[in-house]
Protein backbone atom coordinates (compact mmCIF):
# COMPACT_ATOMS: atom_id res chain seq x y z
CA UNK A 1 -21.03 23.71 12.49
CA UNK A 2 -19.45 21.17 14.88
CA UNK A 3 -20.09 20.23 18.55
CA UNK A 4 -16.67 19.50 21.02
CA UNK A 5 -17.45 17.63 23.32
CA UNK A 6 -16.14 18.05 26.65
CA UNK A 7 -13.91 15.14 26.65
CA UNK A 8 -11.60 16.91 24.54
CA UNK A 9 -10.97 20.06 26.98
CA UNK A 10 -7.79 19.84 28.39
CA UNK A 11 -6.05 17.85 25.17
CA UNK A 12 -4.74 18.82 21.95
CA UNK A 13 -7.51 19.24 18.98
CA UNK A 14 -6.29 19.18 15.61
CA UNK A 15 -8.53 19.26 12.61
CA UNK A 16 -7.42 17.10 9.07
CA UNK A 17 -8.60 18.04 5.71
CA UNK A 18 -7.34 15.42 3.54
CA UNK A 19 -7.17 16.88 0.41
CA UNK A 20 -7.85 20.80 -0.49
CA UNK A 21 -7.33 22.12 -3.88
CA UNK A 22 -5.83 23.87 -4.95
CA UNK A 23 -5.29 25.67 -1.48
CA UNK A 24 -7.32 26.36 1.54
CA UNK A 25 -7.63 29.02 4.39
CA UNK A 26 -9.39 28.25 7.52
CA UNK A 27 -11.05 30.26 9.98
CA UNK A 28 -12.56 28.79 13.73
CA UNK A 29 -15.37 31.13 15.23
CA UNK A 30 -14.67 33.66 12.93
CA UNK A 31 -10.75 33.92 13.65
CA UNK A 32 -7.75 32.96 10.98
CA UNK A 33 -6.08 29.53 11.84
CA UNK A 34 -3.79 29.30 8.57
CA UNK A 35 -3.09 28.25 5.44
CA UNK A 36 -2.54 25.32 3.18
CA UNK A 37 -0.87 24.92 -0.02
CA UNK A 38 -0.19 21.45 -0.73
CA UNK A 39 -3.66 19.97 -2.78
CA UNK A 40 -3.20 16.44 -2.77
CA UNK A 41 -1.91 16.53 0.44
CA UNK A 42 -3.29 16.16 4.16
CA UNK A 43 -3.24 19.47 5.85
CA UNK A 44 -3.99 19.52 9.86
CA UNK A 45 -3.91 22.81 11.62
CA UNK A 46 -4.08 22.47 16.01
CA UNK A 47 -6.91 24.29 16.57
CA UNK A 48 -6.81 24.01 20.61
CA UNK A 49 -7.25 27.61 21.56
CA UNK A 50 -10.06 28.17 18.74
CA UNK A 51 -12.56 26.26 19.95
CA UNK A 52 -14.81 25.78 22.86
CA UNK A 53 -17.17 23.41 23.64
CA UNK A 54 -20.16 23.16 22.55
CA UNK A 55 -21.39 24.65 19.06
CA UNK A 56 -18.06 25.89 17.10
CA UNK A 57 -18.38 27.31 13.44
CA UNK A 58 -15.89 25.63 11.18
CA UNK A 59 -14.87 28.05 7.58
CA UNK A 60 -13.09 27.51 4.98
CA UNK A 61 -11.81 29.35 1.63
CA UNK A 62 -10.87 27.51 -1.74
CA UNK A 63 -9.00 28.97 -4.46
CA UNK A 64 -9.37 26.79 -8.02
CA UNK A 65 -5.96 28.55 -8.88
CA UNK A 66 -2.45 29.43 -6.45
CA UNK A 67 1.03 29.89 -7.33
CA UNK A 68 1.41 26.47 -7.37
CA UNK A 69 -0.30 25.12 -9.62
CA UNK A 70 1.64 25.33 -12.45
CA UNK A 71 3.75 22.19 -10.68
CA UNK A 72 0.75 19.97 -10.73
CA UNK A 73 0.45 20.49 -14.84
CA UNK A 74 -0.25 17.00 -15.35
CA UNK A 75 -2.87 15.06 -17.87
CA UNK A 76 -5.47 14.71 -15.70
CA UNK A 77 -8.62 17.05 -15.05
CA UNK A 78 -8.28 20.11 -13.64
CA UNK A 79 -11.18 19.74 -10.53
CA UNK A 80 -10.81 22.06 -7.38
CA UNK A 81 -12.77 21.14 -4.26
CA UNK A 82 -12.55 18.88 -0.80
CA UNK A 83 -12.13 15.45 -2.37
CA UNK A 84 -10.88 13.48 0.63
CA UNK A 85 -12.45 13.42 4.34
CA UNK A 86 -11.87 15.89 7.32
CA UNK A 87 -12.18 15.07 10.87
CA UNK A 88 -11.08 16.53 13.91
CA UNK A 89 -9.44 14.75 17.23
CA UNK A 90 -7.76 14.89 19.89
CA UNK A 91 -4.41 13.90 21.53
CA UNK A 92 -3.18 13.71 24.93
CA UNK A 93 -0.67 17.10 26.31
CA UNK A 94 2.15 14.05 26.09
CA UNK A 95 2.08 12.17 22.90
CA UNK A 96 4.71 11.21 20.13
CA UNK A 97 4.41 13.54 17.67
CA UNK A 98 6.38 12.11 14.83
CA UNK A 99 8.91 9.02 14.45
CA UNK A 100 10.87 7.98 11.43
CA UNK A 101 12.41 3.91 11.41
CA UNK A 102 15.30 2.44 8.87
CA UNK A 103 16.07 -0.91 8.56
CA UNK A 104 19.92 -1.26 8.19
CA UNK A 105 20.94 -4.55 6.57
CA UNK A 106 24.77 -6.27 6.64
CA UNK A 107 27.19 -6.39 4.05
CA UNK A 108 25.85 -9.70 3.24
CA UNK A 109 21.85 -8.54 3.17
CA UNK A 110 21.01 -11.48 6.16
CA UNK A 111 21.23 -9.83 9.52
CA UNK A 112 19.26 -6.20 10.05
CA UNK A 113 18.93 -3.43 13.13
CA UNK A 114 15.72 -1.28 13.15
CA UNK A 115 16.58 2.01 13.65
CA UNK A 116 13.51 4.19 15.54
CA UNK A 117 13.93 7.80 16.20
CA UNK A 118 10.63 9.03 18.07
CA UNK A 119 10.31 12.38 18.51
CA UNK A 120 7.50 13.24 21.79
CA UNK A 121 5.51 16.67 22.46
CA UNK A 122 7.21 16.48 25.92
CA UNK A 123 9.24 13.69 28.38
CA UNK A 124 7.23 14.99 31.42
CA UNK A 125 7.70 12.44 34.71
CA UNK A 126 7.06 9.01 34.92
CA UNK A 127 5.50 9.04 31.05
CA UNK A 128 7.15 6.11 28.93
CA UNK A 129 7.31 4.60 25.43
CA UNK A 130 6.61 0.95 25.16
CA UNK A 131 7.99 -0.80 21.86
CA UNK A 132 6.88 -3.95 20.46
CA UNK A 133 7.67 -5.62 17.05
CA UNK A 134 4.97 -8.30 15.86
CA UNK A 135 5.87 -11.14 12.97
CA UNK A 136 2.63 -12.83 11.49
CA UNK A 137 2.51 -15.52 14.44
CA UNK A 138 3.63 -13.26 17.72
CA UNK A 139 5.68 -10.74 19.52
CA UNK A 140 9.36 -10.99 18.87
CA UNK A 141 10.43 -7.57 20.50
CA UNK A 142 9.16 -5.88 23.17
CA UNK A 143 10.42 -3.53 25.86
CA UNK A 144 9.82 -0.21 27.27
CA UNK A 145 11.71 3.19 28.20
CA UNK A 146 11.34 5.96 30.15
CA UNK A 147 10.50 9.20 28.31
CA UNK A 148 12.90 11.37 30.78
CA UNK A 149 15.90 9.44 29.98
CA UNK A 150 15.33 7.46 26.46
CA UNK A 151 17.87 7.66 23.32
CA UNK A 152 17.69 9.86 21.01
CA UNK A 153 17.59 6.45 18.70
CA UNK A 154 16.37 3.42 20.02
CA UNK A 155 18.12 0.21 17.87
CA UNK A 156 16.82 -3.36 18.24
CA UNK A 157 19.32 -5.99 16.66
CA UNK A 158 16.92 -9.05 14.44
CA UNK A 159 19.00 -11.96 13.28
CA UNK A 160 18.00 -13.18 9.84
CA UNK A 161 14.44 -11.29 9.70
CA UNK A 162 12.06 -11.74 6.37
CA UNK A 163 13.11 -9.33 4.05
CA UNK A 164 10.78 -7.28 1.91
CA UNK A 165 10.81 -7.12 -2.07
CA UNK A 166 8.20 -6.79 -4.32
CA UNK A 167 8.13 -10.35 -5.24
CA UNK A 168 8.27 -11.11 -1.09
CA UNK A 169 6.21 -8.37 0.80
CA UNK A 170 7.41 -9.83 4.26
CA UNK A 171 5.84 -6.92 6.84
CA UNK A 172 6.15 -7.00 10.51
CA UNK A 173 4.32 -4.51 12.74
CA UNK A 174 5.69 -2.46 15.10
CA UNK A 175 3.30 -0.31 17.92
CA UNK A 176 4.78 2.49 19.77
CA UNK A 177 2.47 3.05 22.94
CA UNK A 178 2.35 6.01 25.41
CA UNK A 179 2.35 5.04 28.67
CA UNK A 180 1.20 7.56 31.96
CA UNK A 181 3.28 6.64 35.23
CA UNK A 182 0.57 4.24 36.48
CA UNK A 183 1.65 1.53 33.25
CA UNK A 184 -2.08 3.21 31.55
CA UNK A 185 -1.88 3.53 27.86
CA UNK A 186 -2.29 6.46 26.76
CA UNK A 187 -2.46 5.95 22.57
CA UNK A 188 -0.95 3.38 20.57
CA UNK A 189 0.98 3.90 17.06
CA UNK A 190 0.65 1.18 14.69
CA UNK A 191 3.24 0.88 11.69
CA UNK A 192 4.14 -1.96 9.25
CA UNK A 193 7.41 -1.94 8.10
CA UNK A 194 9.64 -4.25 5.96
CA UNK A 195 13.62 -5.52 6.27
CA UNK A 196 14.98 -3.96 2.80
CA UNK A 197 18.15 -2.20 1.96
CA UNK A 198 18.14 0.17 -1.26
CA UNK A 199 21.03 1.63 -2.76
CA UNK A 200 22.47 2.85 -6.24
CA UNK A 201 26.02 0.59 -7.16
CA UNK A 202 27.01 0.46 -10.62
CA UNK A 203 24.80 2.78 -12.26
CA UNK A 204 21.86 -0.44 -11.01
CA UNK A 205 19.68 0.71 -8.33
CA UNK A 206 19.68 -2.57 -6.05
CA UNK A 207 16.83 -3.70 -3.69
CA UNK A 208 18.68 -5.96 -1.03
CA UNK A 209 21.65 -6.33 -3.23
CA UNK A 210 19.64 -7.48 -6.26
CA UNK A 211 19.26 -5.36 -9.37
CA UNK A 212 16.16 -4.18 -10.16
CA UNK A 213 14.10 -2.58 -13.06
CA UNK A 214 10.92 0.32 -11.86
CA UNK A 215 7.72 -0.04 -14.48
CA UNK A 216 4.62 2.27 -13.53
CA UNK A 217 1.94 4.62 -14.85
CA UNK A 218 0.93 8.05 -13.91
CA UNK A 219 -2.35 7.11 -11.84
CA UNK A 220 -4.92 9.75 -11.21
CA UNK A 221 -8.14 9.14 -9.22
CA UNK A 222 -10.97 9.72 -11.23
CA UNK A 223 -14.91 8.52 -11.10
CA UNK A 224 -17.29 9.42 -13.44
CA UNK A 225 -20.15 10.99 -11.47
CA UNK A 226 -17.93 12.35 -7.72
CA UNK A 227 -15.08 13.04 -9.77
CA UNK A 228 -11.45 12.70 -8.17
CA UNK A 229 -13.58 12.47 -4.94
CA UNK A 230 -13.44 8.41 -4.96
C-alpha cells in the first residue's frame, strides 16, 4: 500500500524497481502494468494512468527462474528476490527524457569537443534547456537553448581540458536544467564526465593515445546476513 499525494497528479509518475531477480511482473490497483527480465538492472514503469490520489496497491510477482537465467550462470550464489531500492517518483510533462554525451579529442589528444545529444519528452513553447559545465573551481561554460529551436546535437569546444585516465581521474560536472517560460527551474540533471579518447590501434587498446592493460576480478555483491542486499 502506498499513498499518492495531490502534488503528483498532472505529472508523469514512474515506479523504480532497483533489482528483481530473476524476473518481475507488476500490477497497480489490480491492473497489469508490465514485465521485466533484467534481474541485475533497474526496471522502470510509467504508472500515471494506473494510480489515483490517496491509497494505491502495488503488487509484483517474482519468479526464481526465467528463460534468461542461464545467461547469468556465473560463479555466484543463486539467490532470488528484491535486492536494491524501490521507489516511486514524478516528473514534469516537459522533461529531459534521455541524453548522451561524448568527448572527442583531437589528433594530438590536447583540445576537445563535448558533444551532447538531448532527447526531450516534448519541445513545448518557451521552455528552454540550460547547459553548464563546471570544474573543481567554478563554471567554465554556460548557455541556454529554446527547446523549440534546439539543435539535435550541442557541441562545446574546450581548450586543453584536464584529461581523464585511471591514473589521473579528472572529472567535470555537466548540469542540464529544464526551465519554464518564466525562467523557473523544473529539473536539474547532473552528470560527471571525463575528457578521454578510447580506441584500438595496431592490436592495442589505447586511452588518450597510450596503451593500457586491463586487470580485473569477477566481483559479486554478497553479505553474510543480507545476501545480495548490500
